[in-house]
Amino acid sequence: MSRQIRRRFLASVVALAGSSVLPVGIAIAHTPYGQWDSFRKRHLQVLTARSDLTGDAIADSWVALLAEHLPRSKAVVSRARNFVRVASLLKTDQAKLAVLSYQQAEAMFSAEAPFEDFSPMPLQLLIDDGNYLLVCRDDLPLEHGFLLAATLLEEAAALSVSVPLSGMFGMTVHPGARAAALGEQIIPGEE
């Protein structure tokens, strides 16, 4: 199709769309993005990858505690198809939290394969169980990090979790999680 014909066709589609009459065969696209955007704003999502059964089970147990103790958070586990998708959702701020193995966390933060397209990755540490980490974007509000860490630390003995105060793999500890681990109090809205 030549440029001129293509332009005329597009102009006629735009003109018809403005009059709410479309020719047969031209469909109006629908995307669920608005629903996804609404969902992610109302629910605290913790990302995992479908392929990581251990990480998924850990996320389930942590999210169950968060949902029980912080019901207004509407905490849920969101399972991405793979870790590249987890990285994409974190990088584009479509999610704030993820449960990652040490290996995945280090590779993602360091932009090692297959995460080289996501550098720099804005991640901080919240919780460590010795093999898996709860990580967050570095823009997670102070009070949110505090509440998440404090809630999971209440069950520290049963969960075998801690806050890695010295950081890991070059990642820093979220300031709210650090405050919770040290028994400090924070003032909501304080950064």
Protein backbone atom coordinates (compact mmCIF):
# COMPACT_ATOMS: atom_id res chain seq x y z
CA MET A 1 0.00 0.00 0.00
CA SER A 2 1.47 3.36 -0.91
CA ARG A 3 1.90 6.08 1.67
CA GLN A 4 -0.82 8.22 0.14
CA ILE A 5 -3.36 5.39 0.16
CA ARG A 6 -2.38 4.46 3.72
CA ARG A 7 -2.84 8.07 4.87
CA ARG A 8 -6.28 8.30 3.22
CA PHE A 9 -7.31 5.02 4.81
CA LEU A 10 -6.18 6.13 8.29
CA ALA A 11 -7.86 9.52 7.85
CA SER A 12 -11.12 7.81 6.89
CA VAL A 13 -10.89 5.46 9.91
CA VAL A 14 -10.28 8.42 12.22
CA ALA A 15 -13.19 10.31 10.66
CA LEU A 16 -15.48 7.29 10.99
CA ALA A 17 -14.36 6.64 14.56
CA GLY A 18 -15.25 10.22 15.40
CA SER A 19 -18.75 9.61 14.10
CA SER A 20 -18.93 6.27 15.99
CA VAL A 21 -19.49 4.36 12.75
CA LEU A 22 -16.77 1.92 11.77
CA PRO A 23 -16.69 -0.16 8.62
CA VAL A 24 -17.20 -3.91 8.96
CA GLY A 25 -13.96 -5.68 9.82
CA ILE A 26 -12.39 -2.86 11.83
CA ALA A 27 -12.43 -3.70 15.51
CA ILE A 28 -11.85 -1.42 18.43
CA ALA A 29 -9.03 -2.76 20.56
CA HIS A 30 -9.64 -3.57 24.20
CA THR A 31 -6.92 -4.01 26.75
CA PRO A 32 -7.28 -4.99 30.40
CA TYR A 33 -4.60 -2.44 31.41
CA GLY A 34 -7.13 -0.27 33.25
CA GLN A 35 -8.24 -3.25 35.32
CA TRP A 36 -4.61 -4.25 36.00
CA ASP A 37 -3.75 -0.72 37.04
CA SER A 38 -6.71 -0.62 39.41
CA PHE A 39 -5.85 -4.06 40.83
CA ARG A 40 -2.22 -3.21 41.52
CA LYS A 41 -3.19 0.00 43.30
CA ARG A 42 -5.61 -1.80 45.62
CA HIS A 43 -3.57 -4.93 46.36
CA LEU A 44 -0.12 -5.45 47.82
CA GLN A 45 1.38 -7.80 45.26
CA VAL A 46 4.35 -10.01 45.97
CA LEU A 47 5.81 -11.31 42.73
CA THR A 48 7.19 -14.77 42.14
CA ALA A 49 7.93 -16.78 39.00
CA ARG A 50 5.85 -19.83 38.15
CA SER A 51 8.99 -21.87 37.59
CA ASP A 52 10.30 -21.34 41.13
CA LEU A 53 8.16 -23.64 43.28
CA THR A 54 10.19 -23.07 46.45
CA GLY A 55 10.05 -19.28 46.12
CA ASP A 56 6.37 -19.49 45.36
CA ALA A 57 5.71 -21.53 48.53
CA ILE A 58 7.71 -19.02 50.60
CA ALA A 59 5.76 -16.14 49.09
CA ASP A 60 2.50 -17.94 49.91
CA SER A 61 3.46 -18.29 53.58
CA TRP A 62 4.71 -14.71 53.90
CA VAL A 63 1.69 -13.28 52.11
CA ALA A 64 -0.67 -15.32 54.30
CA LEU A 65 0.84 -13.64 57.37
CA LEU A 66 0.68 -10.21 55.78
CA ALA A 67 -2.95 -10.74 54.79
CA GLU A 68 -3.79 -11.89 58.32
CA HIS A 69 -1.99 -9.10 60.19
CA LEU A 70 -2.41 -6.32 57.61
CA PRO A 71 -5.82 -7.08 56.06
CA ARG A 72 -6.14 -3.62 54.52
CA SER A 73 -3.07 -4.39 52.41
CA LYS A 74 -5.06 -7.02 50.47
CA ALA A 75 -1.76 -8.89 50.05
CA VAL A 76 -1.62 -11.41 47.20
CA VAL A 77 0.99 -13.48 45.42
CA SER A 78 1.25 -12.61 41.74
CA ARG A 79 2.95 -15.28 39.66
CA ALA A 80 4.83 -14.05 36.59
CA ARG A 81 5.62 -16.44 33.75
CA ASN A 82 9.40 -16.12 34.37
CA PHE A 83 12.02 -14.03 36.16
CA VAL A 84 12.52 -11.70 33.20
CA ARG A 85 8.84 -10.75 33.54
CA VAL A 86 9.35 -10.25 37.31
CA ALA A 87 12.21 -7.87 36.52
CA SER A 88 10.10 -6.05 33.94
CA LEU A 89 7.20 -5.55 36.36
CA LEU A 90 9.55 -4.26 39.07
CA LYS A 91 11.49 -1.99 36.72
CA THR A 92 8.34 -0.41 35.27
CA ASP A 93 6.82 0.10 38.75
CA GLN A 94 3.89 -2.24 38.07
CA ALA A 95 4.82 -4.07 41.27
CA LYS A 96 6.86 -3.12 44.32
CA LEU A 97 7.82 -6.48 45.90
CA ALA A 98 9.23 -9.85 44.86
CA VAL A 99 10.47 -13.03 46.48
CA LEU A 100 13.76 -14.01 44.84
CA SER A 101 16.41 -16.63 45.51
CA TYR A 102 19.85 -15.27 46.34
CA GLN A 103 20.99 -16.19 42.83
CA GLN A 104 18.08 -14.43 41.12
CA ALA A 105 18.35 -11.35 43.36
CA GLU A 106 22.08 -10.95 42.73
CA ALA A 107 21.72 -11.46 38.96
CA MET A 108 18.77 -9.06 38.75
CA PHE A 109 20.43 -6.32 40.80
CA SER A 110 23.77 -6.72 38.98
CA ALA A 111 22.13 -6.81 35.51
CA GLU A 112 23.64 -10.22 34.76
CA ALA A 113 22.03 -12.41 32.09
CA PRO A 114 19.12 -12.56 31.50
CA PHE A 115 18.53 -9.20 33.22
CA GLU A 116 21.03 -7.01 31.32
CA ASP A 117 18.21 -4.91 29.82
CA PHE A 118 17.00 -3.79 33.27
CA SER A 119 20.08 -1.99 34.57
CA PRO A 120 20.07 -0.22 36.92
CA MET A 121 17.53 -2.22 38.92
CA PRO A 122 16.16 -0.15 41.82
CA LEU A 123 15.99 -2.89 44.50
CA GLN A 124 16.35 -2.88 48.27
CA LEU A 125 16.21 -5.68 50.82
CA LEU A 126 13.37 -6.24 53.27
CA ILE A 127 13.55 -9.82 54.57
CA ASP A 128 16.01 -12.74 54.35
CA ASP A 129 15.31 -16.38 55.20
CA GLY A 130 18.80 -17.67 54.44
CA ASN A 131 18.00 -18.70 50.85
CA TYR A 132 15.33 -16.29 49.64
CA LEU A 133 14.84 -12.56 49.92
CA LEU A 134 11.84 -10.30 49.96
CA VAL A 135 13.03 -7.37 47.87
CA CYS A 136 11.31 -4.10 47.06
CA ARG A 137 11.70 -1.17 44.73
CA ASP A 138 13.74 1.61 46.28
CA ASP A 139 10.72 3.93 46.18
CA LEU A 140 8.63 1.79 48.55
CA PRO A 141 7.42 4.24 51.21
CA LEU A 142 9.26 4.13 54.54
CA GLU A 143 6.18 3.18 56.54
CA HIS A 144 5.27 0.37 54.14
CA GLY A 145 8.70 -1.21 54.45
CA PHE A 146 8.49 -0.83 58.22
CA LEU A 147 5.07 -2.50 58.44
CA LEU A 148 6.03 -5.36 56.14
CA ALA A 149 9.29 -6.12 57.95
CA ALA A 150 7.80 -5.67 61.44
CA THR A 151 4.90 -8.01 60.60
CA LEU A 152 7.16 -10.76 59.26
CA LEU A 153 9.67 -10.29 62.08
CA GLU A 154 6.88 -10.92 64.62
CA GLU A 155 6.93 -14.48 63.30
CA ALA A 156 10.73 -14.55 62.88
CA ALA A 157 11.24 -17.73 64.91
CA ALA A 158 8.59 -19.69 62.99
CA LEU A 159 9.65 -18.30 59.60
CA SER A 160 13.42 -18.22 60.25
CA VAL A 161 13.63 -14.70 58.84
CA SER A 162 15.68 -11.63 59.59
CA VAL A 163 16.52 -8.26 58.08
CA PRO A 164 20.02 -8.34 56.54
CA LEU A 165 21.31 -5.13 58.16
CA SER A 166 24.56 -5.04 56.19
CA GLY A 167 22.85 -5.48 52.82
CA MET A 168 23.70 -8.11 50.22
CA PHE A 169 24.96 -8.26 46.63
CA GLY A 170 25.37 -4.49 46.59
CA MET A 171 21.73 -3.92 47.58
CA THR A 172 20.99 -1.71 50.54
CA VAL A 173 18.45 -2.47 53.23
CA HIS A 174 15.17 -0.59 53.00
CA PRO A 175 15.23 2.10 55.76
CA GLY A 176 11.82 1.02 57.08
CA ALA A 177 12.93 -2.61 57.37
CA ARG A 178 16.11 -1.51 59.12
CA ALA A 179 14.08 0.52 61.62
CA ALA A 180 11.79 -2.46 62.30
CA ALA A 181 14.78 -4.78 62.84
CA LEU A 182 16.39 -2.35 65.26
CA GLY A 183 13.16 -1.86 67.22
CA GLU A 184 12.92 1.77 66.24
CA GLN A 185 9.66 3.61 65.63
CA ILE A 186 8.90 5.70 62.59
CA ILE A 187 6.56 8.57 62.11
CA PRO A 188 4.10 7.98 59.22
CA GLY A 189 4.84 10.28 56.30
CA GLU A 190 8.47 10.66 57.38
CA GLU A 191 11.12 9.94 54.71
